[in-house]
Amino acid sequence: MKIGIAYDLKPKTSMDADLPDDWHEEFDSPVTIEAISETLRQRGHTIVLLGNGRELLENLLQNPVDFVFNIAEGNGVSRTREARVPAICEMLEIPHSGSDPLTLSLALEKNWCRQWVEQKGITVPKGIVLPVPEKAYDGDGAEFIGLVMESELSFPLIAKPVFEGSSKGIRNRCLIQEPNQLAEVIPYLWNNYKQDILLEEFIEGDEVTVGIIGNSPGRILGCMRIIPLKSNSNFVYSLEVKRDWQEQVKYECPARLSGEILDALESVALEVFDLLGCRDITRIDFRIRNGIPYFLEANPLPGVNPESSDLVILAKGMGISYQELIGTIFLEALQRYGISETI
């Protein structure tokens, strides 16, 4: 089978000075592309590197493939950027791994996603959205601080760009302990990420991510607890932590939580998986407070770096090799289309 890999690579050149240093945080390294390629080559398949954007379109039209293994995040500021590759595949009638355009768009837009699952009975942190101004903001914050105070949210709060992934924009400074910090953090995020900001009540407690694989129904891959190596009741799984994960956190998988909490986590994660229409593979993040899982976000396009991605670390903790993980995602997608691997 001829398999195309859709991806975005971190650029080798330096970024524009006016962009934040995490602008390409979601993009992959050649190590990830080669790891996926080699796994699929070992299964007997021919690999075509598609890239993304215009390059992907030209490659698909000039050198058609039988299947697209998709890890492309999409460039720019757009709540539908992750949906571009599956939308193209649907248009060209090419089978592909992962969720469809609607699921990827809904999951990326944090506020829409949280509203969707909340109305279905899933517990989420209380929150509000602060719409991005039309022009760069240079005010003193009085108007949006007033709005936050009127909302009666309880401090501390956590501020997040509303449609980014890989903790883009979520720094340690985004944990807001008191109202006057809003005047610094919110304009910074507006001006740098050009999108609305979600403000949520910070849930103090264990951070746990749940991996789900398969289709109709999905099945639990494992639950992994992210534990700070330094005692910190207000631990944020921020970009600073993720970039220095070997020194900052311990990944506990399987998570050593009570059977009651694990059952609740797995049940809610599977419910979210179904509610969002996820396919093949998804990672869902929670905070646990007083035994209750609070849904944070779903990632139906999780990173698969062979060393540092949460999903891969989780799989290894469950005794699943990288090759087995990628192979299973691939086979689940083929099965969904009714395709045999041997064609």
C-alpha atoms as a PDB file:
ATOM      1  CA  MET A   1       0.000   0.000   0.000  1.00  0.00           C
ATOM      2  CA  LYS A   2       1.212   3.513  -0.772  1.00  0.00           C
ATOM      3  CA  ILE A   3       0.817   5.611   2.381  1.00  0.00           C
ATOM      4  CA  GLY A   4       1.176   9.385   2.461  1.00  0.00           C
ATOM      5  CA  ILE A   5       2.142  11.129   5.684  1.00  0.00           C
ATOM      6  CA  ALA A   6       0.653  14.590   6.252  1.00  0.00           C
ATOM      7  CA  TYR A   7       2.594  16.754   8.690  1.00  0.00           C
ATOM      8  CA  ASP A   8       3.949  20.188   9.561  1.00  0.00           C
ATOM      9  CA  LEU A   9       7.645  20.501  10.358  1.00  0.00           C
ATOM     10  CA  LYS A  10       9.180  22.998  12.741  1.00  0.00           C
ATOM     11  CA  PRO A  11      11.051  25.474  10.513  1.00  0.00           C
ATOM     12  CA  LYS A  12      14.846  25.481  10.555  1.00  0.00           C
ATOM     13  CA  THR A  13      15.039  29.258  10.190  1.00  0.00           C
ATOM     14  CA  SER A  14      14.426  31.705  13.033  1.00  0.00           C
ATOM     15  CA  MET A  15      10.917  33.082  13.501  1.00  0.00           C
ATOM     16  CA  ASP A  16       9.815  36.654  12.972  1.00  0.00           C
ATOM     17  CA  ALA A  17      10.653  38.768  15.994  1.00  0.00           C
ATOM     18  CA  ASP A  18       6.996  39.740  16.508  1.00  0.00           C
ATOM     19  CA  LEU A  19       5.858  36.119  16.948  1.00  0.00           C
ATOM     20  CA  PRO A  20       5.864  34.327  20.330  1.00  0.00           C
ATOM     21  CA  ASP A  21       8.563  31.684  20.712  1.00  0.00           C
ATOM     22  CA  ASP A  22       5.971  28.866  20.813  1.00  0.00           C
ATOM     23  CA  TRP A  23       4.403  29.758  17.462  1.00  0.00           C
ATOM     24  CA  HIS A  24       5.410  26.393  15.953  1.00  0.00           C
ATOM     25  CA  GLU A  25       5.206  24.398  19.181  1.00  0.00           C
ATOM     26  CA  GLU A  26       2.671  21.935  17.748  1.00  0.00           C
ATOM     27  CA  PHE A  27       4.747  21.186  14.668  1.00  0.00           C
ATOM     28  CA  ASP A  28       6.841  18.048  14.425  1.00  0.00           C
ATOM     29  CA  SER A  29      10.509  17.206  14.022  1.00  0.00           C
ATOM     30  CA  PRO A  30      12.019  14.977  11.324  1.00  0.00           C
ATOM     31  CA  VAL A  31      12.528  12.373  14.077  1.00  0.00           C
ATOM     32  CA  THR A  32       8.755  11.912  14.398  1.00  0.00           C
ATOM     33  CA  ILE A  33       8.171  11.714  10.647  1.00  0.00           C
ATOM     34  CA  GLU A  34      10.911   9.111  10.250  1.00  0.00           C
ATOM     35  CA  ALA A  35       9.659   7.069  13.211  1.00  0.00           C
ATOM     36  CA  ILE A  36       6.174   6.821  11.692  1.00  0.00           C
ATOM     37  CA  SER A  37       7.594   6.141   8.226  1.00  0.00           C
ATOM     38  CA  GLU A  38       9.895   3.375   9.432  1.00  0.00           C
ATOM     39  CA  THR A  39       7.092   1.725  11.410  1.00  0.00           C
ATOM     40  CA  LEU A  40       4.879   1.589   8.331  1.00  0.00           C
ATOM     41  CA  ARG A  41       7.756   0.527   6.045  1.00  0.00           C
ATOM     42  CA  GLN A  42       8.396  -2.424   8.343  1.00  0.00           C
ATOM     43  CA  ARG A  43       4.800  -3.451   7.706  1.00  0.00           C
ATOM     44  CA  GLY A  44       5.587  -3.620   3.990  1.00  0.00           C
ATOM     45  CA  HIS A  45       4.232  -0.280   2.801  1.00  0.00           C
ATOM     46  CA  THR A  46       5.660   2.453   0.560  1.00  0.00           C
ATOM     47  CA  ILE A  47       5.881   5.888   2.166  1.00  0.00           C
ATOM     48  CA  VAL A  48       5.244   9.234   0.484  1.00  0.00           C
ATOM     49  CA  LEU A  49       5.990  12.402   2.457  1.00  0.00           C
ATOM     50  CA  LEU A  50       3.145  14.823   1.732  1.00  0.00           C
ATOM     51  CA  GLY A  51       3.815  17.739   4.064  1.00  0.00           C
ATOM     52  CA  ASN A  52       0.880  20.133   4.337  1.00  0.00           C
ATOM     53  CA  GLY A  53      -0.664  23.120   2.576  1.00  0.00           C
ATOM     54  CA  ARG A  54       0.053  23.632  -1.121  1.00  0.00           C
ATOM     55  CA  GLU A  55       2.804  20.987  -1.010  1.00  0.00           C
ATOM     56  CA  LEU A  56       0.311  18.381   0.208  1.00  0.00           C
ATOM     57  CA  LEU A  57      -2.242  19.297  -2.454  1.00  0.00           C
ATOM     58  CA  GLU A  58       0.307  19.077  -5.250  1.00  0.00           C
ATOM     59  CA  ASN A  59       1.694  15.785  -3.957  1.00  0.00           C
ATOM     60  CA  LEU A  60      -1.748  14.183  -3.694  1.00  0.00           C
ATOM     61  CA  LEU A  61      -2.725  15.258  -7.195  1.00  0.00           C
ATOM     62  CA  GLN A  62       0.592  14.349  -8.851  1.00  0.00           C
ATOM     63  CA  ASN A  63       1.369  11.198  -6.862  1.00  0.00           C
ATOM     64  CA  PRO A  64      -1.892   9.701  -5.539  1.00  0.00           C
ATOM     65  CA  VAL A  65      -1.719   7.512  -2.433  1.00  0.00           C
ATOM     66  CA  ASP A  66      -3.934   4.767  -1.045  1.00  0.00           C
ATOM     67  CA  PHE A  67      -4.087   6.151   2.496  1.00  0.00           C
ATOM     68  CA  VAL A  68      -3.056   9.264   4.447  1.00  0.00           C
ATOM     69  CA  PHE A  69      -1.575   8.974   7.930  1.00  0.00           C
ATOM     70  CA  ASN A  70      -2.376  12.406   9.310  1.00  0.00           C
ATOM     71  CA  ILE A  71      -0.481  14.291  12.029  1.00  0.00           C
ATOM     72  CA  ALA A  72      -0.733  17.756  10.382  1.00  0.00           C
ATOM     73  CA  GLU A  73      -1.680  20.609  12.719  1.00  0.00           C
ATOM     74  CA  GLY A  74      -2.152  23.412  10.188  1.00  0.00           C
ATOM     75  CA  ASN A  75      -0.503  26.818  10.046  1.00  0.00           C
ATOM     76  CA  GLY A  76      -1.732  30.227  11.148  1.00  0.00           C
ATOM     77  CA  VAL A  77      -4.490  31.419  13.477  1.00  0.00           C
ATOM     78  CA  SER A  78      -7.578  29.391  12.642  1.00  0.00           C
ATOM     79  CA  ARG A  79      -9.978  27.284  14.656  1.00  0.00           C
ATOM     80  CA  THR A  80     -10.328  24.930  11.661  1.00  0.00           C
ATOM     81  CA  ARG A  81      -6.652  24.499  10.781  1.00  0.00           C
ATOM     82  CA  GLU A  82      -6.499  20.907  12.070  1.00  0.00           C
ATOM     83  CA  ALA A  83      -9.490  20.047   9.867  1.00  0.00           C
ATOM     84  CA  ARG A  84      -7.822  20.925   6.561  1.00  0.00           C
ATOM     85  CA  VAL A  85      -6.127  17.611   5.803  1.00  0.00           C
ATOM     86  CA  PRO A  86      -9.139  15.385   6.571  1.00  0.00           C
ATOM     87  CA  ALA A  87     -11.345  17.780   4.580  1.00  0.00           C
ATOM     88  CA  ILE A  88      -9.032  17.429   1.570  1.00  0.00           C
ATOM     89  CA  CYS A  89      -8.963  13.659   2.001  1.00  0.00           C
ATOM     90  CA  GLU A  90     -12.762  13.542   2.101  1.00  0.00           C
ATOM     91  CA  MET A  91     -12.972  15.670  -1.043  1.00  0.00           C
ATOM     92  CA  LEU A  92     -10.488  13.452  -2.887  1.00  0.00           C
ATOM     93  CA  GLU A  93     -12.007  10.269  -1.396  1.00  0.00           C
ATOM     94  CA  ILE A  94      -8.743   9.168   0.212  1.00  0.00           C
ATOM     95  CA  PRO A  95      -8.960   7.120   3.437  1.00  0.00           C
ATOM     96  CA  HIS A  96      -7.102   8.727   6.339  1.00  0.00           C
ATOM     97  CA  SER A  97      -6.275   8.151   9.965  1.00  0.00           C
ATOM     98  CA  GLY A  98      -7.926  10.073  12.760  1.00  0.00           C
ATOM     99  CA  SER A  99     -11.079  12.084  13.241  1.00  0.00           C
ATOM    100  CA  ASP A 100     -13.090  13.968  10.642  1.00  0.00           C
ATOM    101  CA  PRO A 101     -13.080  17.761  10.072  1.00  0.00           C
ATOM    102  CA  LEU A 102     -16.016  18.469  12.375  1.00  0.00           C
ATOM    103  CA  THR A 103     -14.523  16.647  15.358  1.00  0.00           C
ATOM    104  CA  LEU A 104     -11.099  18.234  14.911  1.00  0.00           C
ATOM    105  CA  SER A 105     -12.596  21.737  14.678  1.00  0.00           C
ATOM    106  CA  LEU A 106     -14.877  21.267  17.672  1.00  0.00           C
ATOM    107  CA  ALA A 107     -12.124  19.822  19.861  1.00  0.00           C
ATOM    108  CA  LEU A 108      -9.640  22.568  18.958  1.00  0.00           C
ATOM    109  CA  GLU A 109     -12.061  25.355  19.921  1.00  0.00           C
ATOM    110  CA  LYS A 110     -11.832  24.951  23.707  1.00  0.00           C
ATOM    111  CA  ASN A 111     -14.910  26.964  24.616  1.00  0.00           C
ATOM    112  CA  TRP A 112     -17.226  25.315  22.095  1.00  0.00           C
ATOM    113  CA  CYS A 113     -15.914  21.925  23.159  1.00  0.00           C
ATOM    114  CA  ARG A 114     -16.441  22.544  26.871  1.00  0.00           C
ATOM    115  CA  GLN A 115     -19.954  23.885  26.233  1.00  0.00           C
ATOM    116  CA  TRP A 116     -20.815  20.861  24.116  1.00  0.00           C
ATOM    117  CA  VAL A 117     -19.738  18.302  26.696  1.00  0.00           C
ATOM    118  CA  GLU A 118     -21.145  20.310  29.622  1.00  0.00           C
ATOM    119  CA  GLN A 119     -24.623  20.352  28.140  1.00  0.00           C
ATOM    120  CA  LYS A 120     -24.369  16.574  27.926  1.00  0.00           C
ATOM    121  CA  GLY A 121     -23.738  16.362  31.675  1.00  0.00           C
ATOM    122  CA  ILE A 122     -19.913  16.325  31.831  1.00  0.00           C
ATOM    123  CA  THR A 123     -18.358  18.394  34.647  1.00  0.00           C
ATOM    124  CA  VAL A 124     -16.145  21.268  33.449  1.00  0.00           C
ATOM    125  CA  PRO A 125     -14.508  24.182  35.296  1.00  0.00           C
ATOM    126  CA  LYS A 126     -16.559  27.368  35.393  1.00  0.00           C
ATOM    127  CA  GLY A 127     -15.296  29.845  32.847  1.00  0.00           C
ATOM    128  CA  ILE A 128     -15.896  32.795  30.547  1.00  0.00           C
ATOM    129  CA  VAL A 129     -14.451  33.956  27.226  1.00  0.00           C
ATOM    130  CA  LEU A 130     -12.840  37.367  26.714  1.00  0.00           C
ATOM    131  CA  PRO A 131     -13.222  38.230  22.986  1.00  0.00           C
ATOM    132  CA  VAL A 132     -10.120  39.510  21.241  1.00  0.00           C
ATOM    133  CA  PRO A 133     -10.328  43.247  20.363  1.00  0.00           C
ATOM    134  CA  GLU A 134     -10.261  44.266  16.710  1.00  0.00           C
ATOM    135  CA  LYS A 135      -7.021  46.174  17.265  1.00  0.00           C
ATOM    136  CA  ALA A 136      -3.972  45.587  19.469  1.00  0.00           C
ATOM    137  CA  TYR A 137      -5.002  46.248  23.047  1.00  0.00           C
ATOM    138  CA  ASP A 138      -3.190  48.950  25.016  1.00  0.00           C
ATOM    139  CA  GLY A 139      -5.728  49.771  27.731  1.00  0.00           C
ATOM    140  CA  ASP A 140      -5.499  49.356  31.504  1.00  0.00           C
ATOM    141  CA  GLY A 141      -7.806  46.336  31.632  1.00  0.00           C
ATOM    142  CA  ALA A 142     -10.551  48.021  33.648  1.00  0.00           C
ATOM    143  CA  GLU A 143     -13.378  46.884  31.368  1.00  0.00           C
ATOM    144  CA  PHE A 144     -12.517  43.188  31.189  1.00  0.00           C
ATOM    145  CA  ILE A 145     -11.455  43.043  34.851  1.00  0.00           C
ATOM    146  CA  GLY A 146     -14.930  44.341  35.669  1.00  0.00           C
ATOM    147  CA  LEU A 147     -16.464  41.684  33.423  1.00  0.00           C
ATOM    148  CA  VAL A 148     -14.502  38.947  35.186  1.00  0.00           C
ATOM    149  CA  MET A 149     -15.489  40.208  38.604  1.00  0.00           C
ATOM    150  CA  GLU A 150     -19.157  40.360  37.590  1.00  0.00           C
ATOM    151  CA  SER A 151     -18.940  36.739  36.439  1.00  0.00           C
ATOM    152  CA  GLU A 152     -18.264  35.699  40.049  1.00  0.00           C
ATOM    153  CA  LEU A 153     -15.519  33.282  39.034  1.00  0.00           C
ATOM    154  CA  SER A 154     -13.400  32.139  41.967  1.00  0.00           C
ATOM    155  CA  PHE A 155      -9.672  32.833  41.915  1.00  0.00           C
ATOM    156  CA  PRO A 156      -7.197  31.426  41.019  1.00  0.00           C
ATOM    157  CA  LEU A 157      -8.000  31.366  37.302  1.00  0.00           C
ATOM    158  CA  ILE A 158      -6.155  29.908  34.346  1.00  0.00           C
ATOM    159  CA  ALA A 159      -6.016  31.836  31.045  1.00  0.00           C
ATOM    160  CA  LYS A 160      -5.763  29.986  27.703  1.00  0.00           C
ATOM    161  CA  PRO A 161      -5.847  30.979  24.037  1.00  0.00           C
ATOM    162  CA  VAL A 162      -9.117  29.464  22.904  1.00  0.00           C
ATOM    163  CA  PHE A 163      -7.942  27.466  19.893  1.00  0.00           C
ATOM    164  CA  GLU A 164      -4.344  26.406  20.387  1.00  0.00           C
ATOM    165  CA  GLY A 165      -2.779  23.069  21.302  1.00  0.00           C
ATOM    166  CA  SER A 166       0.458  21.741  22.819  1.00  0.00           C
ATOM    167  CA  SER A 167       0.069  24.325  25.630  1.00  0.00           C
ATOM    168  CA  LYS A 168       0.765  27.190  23.215  1.00  0.00           C
ATOM    169  CA  GLY A 169       0.282  30.385  25.184  1.00  0.00           C
ATOM    170  CA  ILE A 170      -0.209  28.558  28.490  1.00  0.00           C
ATOM    171  CA  ARG A 171       2.727  29.710  30.573  1.00  0.00           C
ATOM    172  CA  ASN A 172       3.267  29.738  34.308  1.00  0.00           C
ATOM    173  CA  ARG A 173       2.195  33.381  34.293  1.00  0.00           C
ATOM    174  CA  CYS A 174      -1.273  32.302  33.069  1.00  0.00           C
ATOM    175  CA  LEU A 175      -2.209  31.142  36.558  1.00  0.00           C
ATOM    176  CA  ILE A 176      -3.939  34.269  37.845  1.00  0.00           C
ATOM    177  CA  GLN A 177      -4.181  34.588  41.614  1.00  0.00           C
ATOM    178  CA  GLU A 178      -5.790  38.034  41.872  1.00  0.00           C
ATOM    179  CA  PRO A 179      -7.626  40.531  39.641  1.00  0.00           C
ATOM    180  CA  ASN A 180      -4.716  42.915  39.009  1.00  0.00           C
ATOM    181  CA  GLN A 181      -2.793  40.147  37.200  1.00  0.00           C
ATOM    182  CA  LEU A 182      -5.488  40.085  34.522  1.00  0.00           C
ATOM    183  CA  ALA A 183      -4.331  43.489  33.220  1.00  0.00           C
ATOM    184  CA  GLU A 184      -0.944  42.002  32.341  1.00  0.00           C
ATOM    185  CA  VAL A 185      -1.800  38.477  31.178  1.00  0.00           C
ATOM    186  CA  ILE A 186      -4.910  39.012  29.036  1.00  0.00           C
ATOM    187  CA  PRO A 187      -3.480  41.789  26.771  1.00  0.00           C
ATOM    188  CA  TYR A 188      -0.297  39.736  26.349  1.00  0.00           C
ATOM    189  CA  LEU A 189      -2.297  36.747  25.119  1.00  0.00           C
ATOM    190  CA  TRP A 190      -4.601  38.830  22.926  1.00  0.00           C
ATOM    191  CA  ASN A 191      -1.751  40.678  21.242  1.00  0.00           C
ATOM    192  CA  ASN A 192       0.423  37.611  20.691  1.00  0.00           C
ATOM    193  CA  TYR A 193      -2.114  34.920  19.742  1.00  0.00           C
ATOM    194  CA  LYS A 194      -4.794  37.049  17.997  1.00  0.00           C
ATOM    195  CA  GLN A 195      -7.750  35.100  19.395  1.00  0.00           C
ATOM    196  CA  ASP A 196     -10.270  34.982  22.227  1.00  0.00           C
ATOM    197  CA  ILE A 197      -9.053  33.971  25.676  1.00  0.00           C
ATOM    198  CA  LEU A 198     -10.764  31.354  27.833  1.00  0.00           C
ATOM    199  CA  LEU A 199     -10.635  32.067  31.569  1.00  0.00           C
ATOM    200  CA  GLU A 200     -11.418  29.054  33.726  1.00  0.00           C
ATOM    201  CA  GLU A 201     -11.445  28.472  37.442  1.00  0.00           C
ATOM    202  CA  PHE A 202      -8.243  26.613  38.285  1.00  0.00           C
ATOM    203  CA  ILE A 203      -8.959  23.103  39.523  1.00  0.00           C
ATOM    204  CA  GLU A 204      -6.473  22.172  42.210  1.00  0.00           C
ATOM    205  CA  GLY A 205      -5.805  18.443  42.157  1.00  0.00           C
ATOM    206  CA  ASP A 206      -4.271  15.652  40.112  1.00  0.00           C
ATOM    207  CA  GLU A 207      -3.772  16.206  36.380  1.00  0.00           C
ATOM    208  CA  VAL A 208      -4.569  13.033  34.454  1.00  0.00           C
ATOM    209  CA  THR A 209      -4.633  12.290  30.744  1.00  0.00           C
ATOM    210  CA  VAL A 210      -6.570   9.359  29.314  1.00  0.00           C
ATOM    211  CA  GLY A 211      -5.690   7.664  26.031  1.00  0.00           C
ATOM    212  CA  ILE A 212      -8.458   6.092  23.959  1.00  0.00           C
ATOM    213  CA  ILE A 213      -7.959   4.001  20.848  1.00  0.00           C
ATOM    214  CA  GLY A 214     -10.310   2.336  18.384  1.00  0.00           C
ATOM    215  CA  ASN A 215     -13.814   2.844  17.075  1.00  0.00           C
ATOM    216  CA  SER A 216     -17.381   1.848  17.857  1.00  0.00           C
ATOM    217  CA  PRO A 217     -16.658   1.631  20.685  1.00  0.00           C
ATOM    218  CA  GLY A 218     -13.329   3.174  21.615  1.00  0.00           C
ATOM    219  CA  ARG A 219     -11.347   1.435  24.320  1.00  0.00           C
ATOM    220  CA  ILE A 220      -9.136   2.781  27.078  1.00  0.00           C
ATOM    221  CA  LEU A 221      -5.433   2.736  26.271  1.00  0.00           C
ATOM    222  CA  GLY A 222      -4.461   3.892  29.771  1.00  0.00           C
ATOM    223  CA  CYS A 223      -4.644   6.658  32.376  1.00  0.00           C
ATOM    224  CA  MET A 224      -1.503   8.671  33.151  1.00  0.00           C
ATOM    225  CA  ARG A 225      -1.045  11.047  36.074  1.00  0.00           C
ATOM    226  CA  ILE A 226       1.305  14.023  35.638  1.00  0.00           C
ATOM    227  CA  ILE A 227       3.048  14.622  38.972  1.00  0.00           C
ATOM    228  CA  PRO A 228       5.237  17.689  39.612  1.00  0.00           C
ATOM    229  CA  LEU A 229       8.659  16.763  41.004  1.00  0.00           C
ATOM    230  CA  LYS A 230       8.554  19.839  43.218  1.00  0.00           C
ATOM    231  CA  SER A 231       5.670  20.123  45.668  1.00  0.00           C
ATOM    232  CA  ASN A 232       3.247  22.630  44.178  1.00  0.00           C
ATOM    233  CA  SER A 233      -0.443  22.837  45.044  1.00  0.00           C
ATOM    234  CA  ASN A 234      -0.973  25.201  42.088  1.00  0.00           C
ATOM    235  CA  PHE A 235       0.852  23.057  39.545  1.00  0.00           C
ATOM    236  CA  VAL A 236       0.174  24.057  35.931  1.00  0.00           C
ATOM    237  CA  TYR A 237       1.162  21.671  33.138  1.00  0.00           C
ATOM    238  CA  SER A 238       2.511  24.684  31.294  1.00  0.00           C
ATOM    239  CA  LEU A 239       4.714  25.101  28.261  1.00  0.00           C
ATOM    240  CA  GLU A 240       7.734  25.681  30.502  1.00  0.00           C
ATOM    241  CA  VAL A 241       7.064  22.333  32.193  1.00  0.00           C
ATOM    242  CA  LYS A 242       6.527  20.446  28.931  1.00  0.00           C
ATOM    243  CA  ARG A 243       9.755  21.793  27.458  1.00  0.00           C
ATOM    244  CA  ASP A 244      11.673  20.582  30.523  1.00  0.00           C
ATOM    245  CA  TRP A 245       9.537  17.546  31.328  1.00  0.00           C
ATOM    246  CA  GLN A 246      12.393  15.248  32.354  1.00  0.00           C
ATOM    247  CA  GLU A 247      13.332  17.643  35.182  1.00  0.00           C
ATOM    248  CA  GLN A 248       9.879  18.949  36.018  1.00  0.00           C
ATOM    249  CA  VAL A 249       7.444  16.029  36.175  1.00  0.00           C
ATOM    250  CA  LYS A 250       7.011  12.330  36.732  1.00  0.00           C
ATOM    251  CA  TYR A 251       4.644  10.450  34.453  1.00  0.00           C
ATOM    252  CA  GLU A 252       2.816   7.785  36.432  1.00  0.00           C
ATOM    253  CA  CYS A 253       1.248   5.171  34.196  1.00  0.00           C
ATOM    254  CA  PRO A 254      -0.801   3.284  35.110  1.00  0.00           C
ATOM    255  CA  ALA A 255      -2.040   6.097  37.360  1.00  0.00           C
ATOM    256  CA  ARG A 256      -2.065   5.074  41.012  1.00  0.00           C
ATOM    257  CA  LEU A 257      -5.537   6.351  41.826  1.00  0.00           C
ATOM    258  CA  SER A 258      -8.398   4.630  43.596  1.00  0.00           C
ATOM    259  CA  GLY A 259     -10.474   2.173  41.616  1.00  0.00           C
ATOM    260  CA  GLU A 260     -13.491   4.442  42.045  1.00  0.00           C
ATOM    261  CA  ILE A 261     -11.712   7.453  40.554  1.00  0.00           C
ATOM    262  CA  LEU A 262     -10.231   5.414  37.691  1.00  0.00           C
ATOM    263  CA  ASP A 263     -13.658   4.007  36.853  1.00  0.00           C
ATOM    264  CA  ALA A 264     -15.099   7.532  36.807  1.00  0.00           C
ATOM    265  CA  LEU A 265     -12.239   8.833  34.644  1.00  0.00           C
ATOM    266  CA  GLU A 266     -12.533   6.048  32.102  1.00  0.00           C
ATOM    267  CA  SER A 267     -16.312   6.314  31.940  1.00  0.00           C
ATOM    268  CA  VAL A 268     -16.267  10.087  31.373  1.00  0.00           C
ATOM    269  CA  ALA A 269     -13.395   9.852  28.870  1.00  0.00           C
ATOM    270  CA  LEU A 270     -15.264   7.283  26.776  1.00  0.00           C
ATOM    271  CA  GLU A 271     -18.404   9.418  26.942  1.00  0.00           C
ATOM    272  CA  VAL A 272     -16.489  12.483  25.701  1.00  0.00           C
ATOM    273  CA  PHE A 273     -14.874  10.369  22.952  1.00  0.00           C
ATOM    274  CA  ASP A 274     -18.337   9.403  21.718  1.00  0.00           C
ATOM    275  CA  LEU A 275     -19.886  12.847  22.169  1.00  0.00           C
ATOM    276  CA  LEU A 276     -17.193  14.456  20.008  1.00  0.00           C
ATOM    277  CA  GLY A 277     -17.276  11.718  17.380  1.00  0.00           C
ATOM    278  CA  CYS A 278     -13.587  10.882  17.836  1.00  0.00           C
ATOM    279  CA  ARG A 279     -11.996   8.158  15.711  1.00  0.00           C
ATOM    280  CA  ASP A 280      -8.945   5.895  15.926  1.00  0.00           C
ATOM    281  CA  ILE A 281      -7.004   7.742  18.656  1.00  0.00           C
ATOM    282  CA  THR A 282      -7.644  10.551  21.152  1.00  0.00           C
ATOM    283  CA  ARG A 283      -6.142  11.873  24.373  1.00  0.00           C
ATOM    284  CA  ILE A 284      -8.450  13.533  26.898  1.00  0.00           C
ATOM    285  CA  ASP A 285      -7.211  15.705  29.783  1.00  0.00           C
ATOM    286  CA  PHE A 286      -8.771  16.029  33.224  1.00  0.00           C
ATOM    287  CA  ARG A 287      -8.197  17.489  36.671  1.00  0.00           C
ATOM    288  CA  ILE A 288      -9.452  15.544  39.676  1.00  0.00           C
ATOM    289  CA  ARG A 289     -10.952  17.479  42.586  1.00  0.00           C
ATOM    290  CA  ASN A 290     -12.715  15.752  45.480  1.00  0.00           C
ATOM    291  CA  GLY A 291     -12.870  12.575  43.417  1.00  0.00           C
ATOM    292  CA  ILE A 292     -14.658  14.294  40.512  1.00  0.00           C
ATOM    293  CA  PRO A 293     -13.055  14.401  37.023  1.00  0.00           C
ATOM    294  CA  TYR A 294     -13.211  17.902  35.523  1.00  0.00           C
ATOM    295  CA  PHE A 295     -12.910  17.817  31.736  1.00  0.00           C
ATOM    296  CA  LEU A 296     -10.242  20.210  30.418  1.00  0.00           C
ATOM    297  CA  GLU A 297      -9.888  19.380  26.734  1.00  0.00           C
ATOM    298  CA  ALA A 298      -9.781  16.624  24.145  1.00  0.00           C
ATOM    299  CA  ASN A 299      -7.002  16.115  21.623  1.00  0.00           C
ATOM    300  CA  PRO A 300      -8.094  13.879  18.733  1.00  0.00           C
ATOM    301  CA  LEU A 301      -4.817  14.727  16.949  1.00  0.00           C
ATOM    302  CA  PRO A 302      -2.313  13.964  19.716  1.00  0.00           C
ATOM    303  CA  GLY A 303       1.435  14.256  19.229  1.00  0.00           C
ATOM    304  CA  VAL A 304       3.365  11.063  18.502  1.00  0.00           C
ATOM    305  CA  ASN A 305       6.990  12.069  19.018  1.00  0.00           C
ATOM    306  CA  PRO A 306       8.682   8.751  19.890  1.00  0.00           C
ATOM    307  CA  GLU A 307      10.308  10.130  23.046  1.00  0.00           C
ATOM    308  CA  SER A 308       8.408  13.091  24.461  1.00  0.00           C
ATOM    309  CA  SER A 309       4.734  12.954  23.475  1.00  0.00           C
ATOM    310  CA  ASP A 310       2.318  12.284  26.323  1.00  0.00           C
ATOM    311  CA  LEU A 311       0.443   9.644  24.330  1.00  0.00           C
ATOM    312  CA  VAL A 312       3.628   7.718  23.560  1.00  0.00           C
ATOM    313  CA  ILE A 313       4.804   7.900  27.186  1.00  0.00           C
ATOM    314  CA  LEU A 314       1.379   6.692  28.293  1.00  0.00           C
ATOM    315  CA  ALA A 315       1.492   3.781  25.844  1.00  0.00           C
ATOM    316  CA  LYS A 316       4.974   2.774  27.007  1.00  0.00           C
ATOM    317  CA  GLY A 317       3.723   2.825  30.595  1.00  0.00           C
ATOM    318  CA  MET A 318       1.053   0.340  29.535  1.00  0.00           C
ATOM    319  CA  GLY A 319       3.640  -1.914  27.884  1.00  0.00           C
ATOM    320  CA  ILE A 320       2.827  -0.829  24.324  1.00  0.00           C
ATOM    321  CA  SER A 321       5.777  -0.120  22.031  1.00  0.00           C
ATOM    322  CA  TYR A 322       5.899   2.804  19.626  1.00  0.00           C
ATOM    323  CA  GLN A 323       5.621   0.451  16.661  1.00  0.00           C
ATOM    324  CA  GLU A 324       2.582  -1.238  18.185  1.00  0.00           C
ATOM    325  CA  LEU A 325       0.916   2.099  18.916  1.00  0.00           C
ATOM    326  CA  ILE A 326       1.354   3.489  15.398  1.00  0.00           C
ATOM    327  CA  GLY A 327       0.438   0.144  13.869  1.00  0.00           C
ATOM    328  CA  THR A 328      -2.759  -0.077  15.908  1.00  0.00           C
ATOM    329  CA  ILE A 329      -3.840   3.461  14.962  1.00  0.00           C
ATOM    330  CA  PHE A 330      -3.235   2.544  11.314  1.00  0.00           C
ATOM    331  CA  LEU A 331      -5.158  -0.742  11.527  1.00  0.00           C
ATOM    332  CA  GLU A 332      -8.084   0.869  13.358  1.00  0.00           C
ATOM    333  CA  ALA A 333      -8.404   3.409  10.548  1.00  0.00           C
ATOM    334  CA  LEU A 334      -8.209   0.741   7.853  1.00  0.00           C
ATOM    335  CA  GLN A 335     -10.847  -1.332   9.604  1.00  0.00           C
ATOM    336  CA  ARG A 336     -13.117   1.702   9.784  1.00  0.00           C
ATOM    337  CA  TYR A 337     -12.976   1.954   5.986  1.00  0.00           C
ATOM    338  CA  GLY A 338     -13.283  -1.807   5.499  1.00  0.00           C
ATOM    339  CA  ILE A 339      -9.813  -1.960   3.922  1.00  0.00           C
ATOM    340  CA  SER A 340      -7.398  -4.870   4.207  1.00  0.00           C
ATOM    341  CA  GLU A 341      -3.761  -3.994   4.963  1.00  0.00           C
ATOM    342  CA  THR A 342      -2.615  -6.370   2.231  1.00  0.00           C
ATOM    343  CA  ILE A 343      -4.110  -4.474  -0.747  1.00  0.00           C
END
